Amino acid sequence: MIMSELSLSSVEKIFRKANAKRVSDEASRELRKVVEDFAEEISREAVKASEHAGRKTVKEVDIKFVTRQG
């Protein structure tokens, strides 16, 4: 079994912020997987962006660029 970076309690906090009344463990695990996969893809693209800019350090601007926020 692969260890997750996000705890289930962190995922449950996200659901609480969305005003969920009740959430199954399976739903929490699935959201955790989706969020981790999405974050990993953004991270890969941000690394590419920083390397393209001639930097070794990934900066906020790289995240905003790959998520089209900036």
N, C-alpha and C. Protein backbone atom coordinates (compact mmCIF):
# COMPACT_ATOMS: atom_id res chain seq x y z
N MET A 1 0.84 -1.19 0.00
CA MET A 1 0.00 0.00 0.00
C MET A 1 0.88 1.25 0.00
N ILE A 2 0.56 2.20 -0.83
CA ILE A 2 1.31 3.43 -0.94
C ILE A 2 0.80 4.42 0.11
N MET A 3 1.73 5.05 0.81
CA MET A 3 1.35 6.05 1.81
C MET A 3 0.90 7.33 1.11
N SER A 4 -0.11 7.94 1.66
CA SER A 4 -0.62 9.19 1.12
C SER A 4 0.06 10.36 1.80
N GLU A 5 0.17 11.46 1.06
CA GLU A 5 0.74 12.67 1.62
C GLU A 5 -0.29 13.43 2.45
N LEU A 6 -1.55 13.38 2.05
CA LEU A 6 -2.61 14.05 2.77
C LEU A 6 -3.27 13.10 3.76
N SER A 7 -3.52 13.60 4.95
CA SER A 7 -4.21 12.77 5.94
C SER A 7 -5.71 12.80 5.66
N LEU A 8 -6.40 11.77 6.11
CA LEU A 8 -7.86 11.76 5.93
C LEU A 8 -8.50 12.89 6.71
N SER A 9 -7.91 13.26 7.84
CA SER A 9 -8.49 14.37 8.60
C SER A 9 -8.39 15.69 7.83
N SER A 10 -7.33 15.87 7.05
CA SER A 10 -7.21 17.07 6.21
C SER A 10 -8.29 17.08 5.13
N VAL A 11 -8.54 15.92 4.56
CA VAL A 11 -9.58 15.81 3.52
C VAL A 11 -10.95 16.07 4.15
N GLU A 12 -11.17 15.55 5.33
CA GLU A 12 -12.44 15.77 6.01
C GLU A 12 -12.65 17.26 6.31
N LYS A 13 -11.58 17.99 6.61
CA LYS A 13 -11.68 19.44 6.82
C LYS A 13 -12.15 20.13 5.55
N ILE A 14 -11.66 19.66 4.41
CA ILE A 14 -12.10 20.23 3.13
C ILE A 14 -13.60 20.02 2.96
N PHE A 15 -14.07 18.82 3.28
CA PHE A 15 -15.50 18.54 3.18
C PHE A 15 -16.30 19.42 4.15
N ARG A 16 -15.78 19.62 5.37
CA ARG A 16 -16.48 20.47 6.34
C ARG A 16 -16.58 21.91 5.84
N LYS A 17 -15.50 22.39 5.19
CA LYS A 17 -15.53 23.74 4.63
C LYS A 17 -16.58 23.85 3.53
N ALA A 18 -16.87 22.72 2.88
CA ALA A 18 -17.89 22.69 1.82
C ALA A 18 -19.28 22.42 2.40
N ASN A 19 -19.38 22.45 3.74
CA ASN A 19 -20.64 22.25 4.46
C ASN A 19 -21.25 20.87 4.30
N ALA A 20 -20.40 19.84 4.14
CA ALA A 20 -20.92 18.47 4.06
C ALA A 20 -21.41 18.05 5.45
N LYS A 21 -22.57 17.45 5.48
CA LYS A 21 -23.12 16.96 6.75
C LYS A 21 -22.45 15.65 7.16
N ARG A 22 -22.39 14.72 6.22
CA ARG A 22 -21.75 13.43 6.48
C ARG A 22 -20.99 13.02 5.23
N VAL A 23 -19.86 12.34 5.44
CA VAL A 23 -19.03 11.90 4.33
C VAL A 23 -18.52 10.50 4.65
N SER A 24 -18.64 9.60 3.70
CA SER A 24 -18.16 8.23 3.92
C SER A 24 -16.64 8.19 3.86
N ASP A 25 -16.07 7.19 4.49
CA ASP A 25 -14.61 6.99 4.43
C ASP A 25 -14.15 6.80 2.99
N GLU A 26 -14.96 6.09 2.20
CA GLU A 26 -14.61 5.85 0.81
C GLU A 26 -14.54 7.15 0.03
N ALA A 27 -15.48 8.06 0.30
CA ALA A 27 -15.48 9.36 -0.39
C ALA A 27 -14.24 10.16 0.00
N SER A 28 -13.88 10.12 1.27
CA SER A 28 -12.68 10.84 1.73
C SER A 28 -11.43 10.28 1.07
N ARG A 29 -11.33 8.97 0.99
CA ARG A 29 -10.16 8.35 0.36
C ARG A 29 -10.10 8.69 -1.13
N GLU A 30 -11.24 8.70 -1.80
CA GLU A 30 -11.27 9.02 -3.23
C GLU A 30 -10.89 10.47 -3.48
N LEU A 31 -11.42 11.39 -2.67
CA LEU A 31 -11.05 12.79 -2.83
C LEU A 31 -9.55 12.98 -2.57
N ARG A 32 -9.03 12.29 -1.57
CA ARG A 32 -7.60 12.37 -1.28
C ARG A 32 -6.79 11.94 -2.49
N LYS A 33 -7.18 10.86 -3.13
CA LYS A 33 -6.46 10.37 -4.31
C LYS A 33 -6.52 11.39 -5.44
N VAL A 34 -7.72 11.94 -5.69
CA VAL A 34 -7.89 12.91 -6.77
C VAL A 34 -7.05 14.16 -6.52
N VAL A 35 -7.09 14.66 -5.29
CA VAL A 35 -6.33 15.87 -4.94
C VAL A 35 -4.83 15.62 -5.07
N GLU A 36 -4.37 14.48 -4.58
CA GLU A 36 -2.94 14.16 -4.67
C GLU A 36 -2.50 14.01 -6.12
N ASP A 37 -3.30 13.36 -6.94
CA ASP A 37 -2.96 13.20 -8.36
C ASP A 37 -2.89 14.56 -9.05
N PHE A 38 -3.86 15.42 -8.75
CA PHE A 38 -3.91 16.75 -9.35
C PHE A 38 -2.70 17.58 -8.90
N ALA A 39 -2.38 17.53 -7.61
CA ALA A 39 -1.24 18.29 -7.09
C ALA A 39 0.08 17.78 -7.68
N GLU A 40 0.19 16.48 -7.88
CA GLU A 40 1.40 15.92 -8.47
C GLU A 40 1.58 16.41 -9.91
N GLU A 41 0.50 16.46 -10.66
CA GLU A 41 0.57 16.93 -12.04
C GLU A 41 0.94 18.41 -12.09
N ILE A 42 0.34 19.22 -11.23
CA ILE A 42 0.68 20.64 -11.16
C ILE A 42 2.15 20.80 -10.79
N SER A 43 2.62 20.00 -9.85
CA SER A 43 4.02 20.07 -9.42
C SER A 43 4.97 19.76 -10.57
N ARG A 44 4.66 18.72 -11.33
CA ARG A 44 5.51 18.37 -12.48
C ARG A 44 5.60 19.53 -13.47
N GLU A 45 4.45 20.12 -13.78
CA GLU A 45 4.42 21.23 -14.73
C GLU A 45 5.13 22.46 -14.18
N ALA A 46 5.01 22.71 -12.87
CA ALA A 46 5.69 23.85 -12.25
C ALA A 46 7.21 23.67 -12.28
N VAL A 47 7.67 22.45 -12.10
CA VAL A 47 9.11 22.17 -12.19
C VAL A 47 9.59 22.47 -13.61
N LYS A 48 8.83 22.03 -14.60
CA LYS A 48 9.20 22.32 -15.99
C LYS A 48 9.25 23.83 -16.24
N ALA A 49 8.28 24.56 -15.70
CA ALA A 49 8.24 26.01 -15.89
C ALA A 49 9.43 26.69 -15.25
N SER A 50 9.81 26.25 -14.05
CA SER A 50 10.96 26.87 -13.38
C SER A 50 12.25 26.55 -14.12
N GLU A 51 12.38 25.33 -14.62
CA GLU A 51 13.57 24.96 -15.39
C GLU A 51 13.64 25.77 -16.68
N HIS A 52 12.50 25.97 -17.32
CA HIS A 52 12.46 26.76 -18.55
C HIS A 52 12.91 28.21 -18.28
N ALA A 53 12.58 28.69 -17.09
CA ALA A 53 12.97 30.05 -16.70
C ALA A 53 14.42 30.12 -16.21
N GLY A 54 15.10 28.97 -16.20
CA GLY A 54 16.50 28.94 -15.79
C GLY A 54 16.69 28.89 -14.27
N ARG A 55 15.67 28.46 -13.56
CA ARG A 55 15.76 28.37 -12.10
C ARG A 55 15.67 26.93 -11.64
N LYS A 56 16.26 26.68 -10.47
CA LYS A 56 16.12 25.37 -9.83
C LYS A 56 14.98 25.39 -8.82
N THR A 57 14.62 26.59 -8.39
CA THR A 57 13.59 26.76 -7.37
C THR A 57 12.23 26.99 -8.02
N VAL A 58 11.25 26.20 -7.59
CA VAL A 58 9.88 26.41 -8.04
C VAL A 58 9.31 27.54 -7.20
N LYS A 59 8.74 28.54 -7.86
CA LYS A 59 8.19 29.70 -7.18
C LYS A 59 6.68 29.75 -7.36
N GLU A 60 6.08 30.64 -6.59
CA GLU A 60 4.63 30.83 -6.65
C GLU A 60 4.19 31.15 -8.08
N VAL A 61 4.98 31.95 -8.77
CA VAL A 61 4.63 32.34 -10.14
C VAL A 61 4.54 31.11 -11.05
N ASP A 62 5.33 30.09 -10.79
CA ASP A 62 5.28 28.85 -11.59
C ASP A 62 3.96 28.13 -11.37
N ILE A 63 3.53 28.08 -10.13
CA ILE A 63 2.24 27.43 -9.80
C ILE A 63 1.11 28.21 -10.47
N LYS A 64 1.15 29.53 -10.33
CA LYS A 64 0.10 30.35 -10.93
C LYS A 64 0.11 30.21 -12.46
N PHE A 65 1.28 30.13 -13.04
CA PHE A 65 1.38 29.99 -14.50
C PHE A 65 0.76 28.67 -14.97
N VAL A 66 1.12 27.58 -14.32
CA VAL A 66 0.62 26.27 -14.80
C VAL A 66 -0.86 26.06 -14.46
N THR A 67 -1.37 26.81 -13.50
CA THR A 67 -2.80 26.70 -13.20
C THR A 67 -3.57 27.86 -13.82
N ARG A 68 -2.87 28.66 -14.64
CA ARG A 68 -3.45 29.78 -15.39
C ARG A 68 -4.09 30.83 -14.49
N GLN A 69 -3.47 31.06 -13.31
CA GLN A 69 -3.98 32.06 -12.37
C GLN A 69 -3.26 33.39 -12.50
N GLY A 70 -2.18 33.40 -13.22
CA GLY A 70 -1.41 34.65 -13.23
C GLY A 70 -0.96 35.07 -14.57
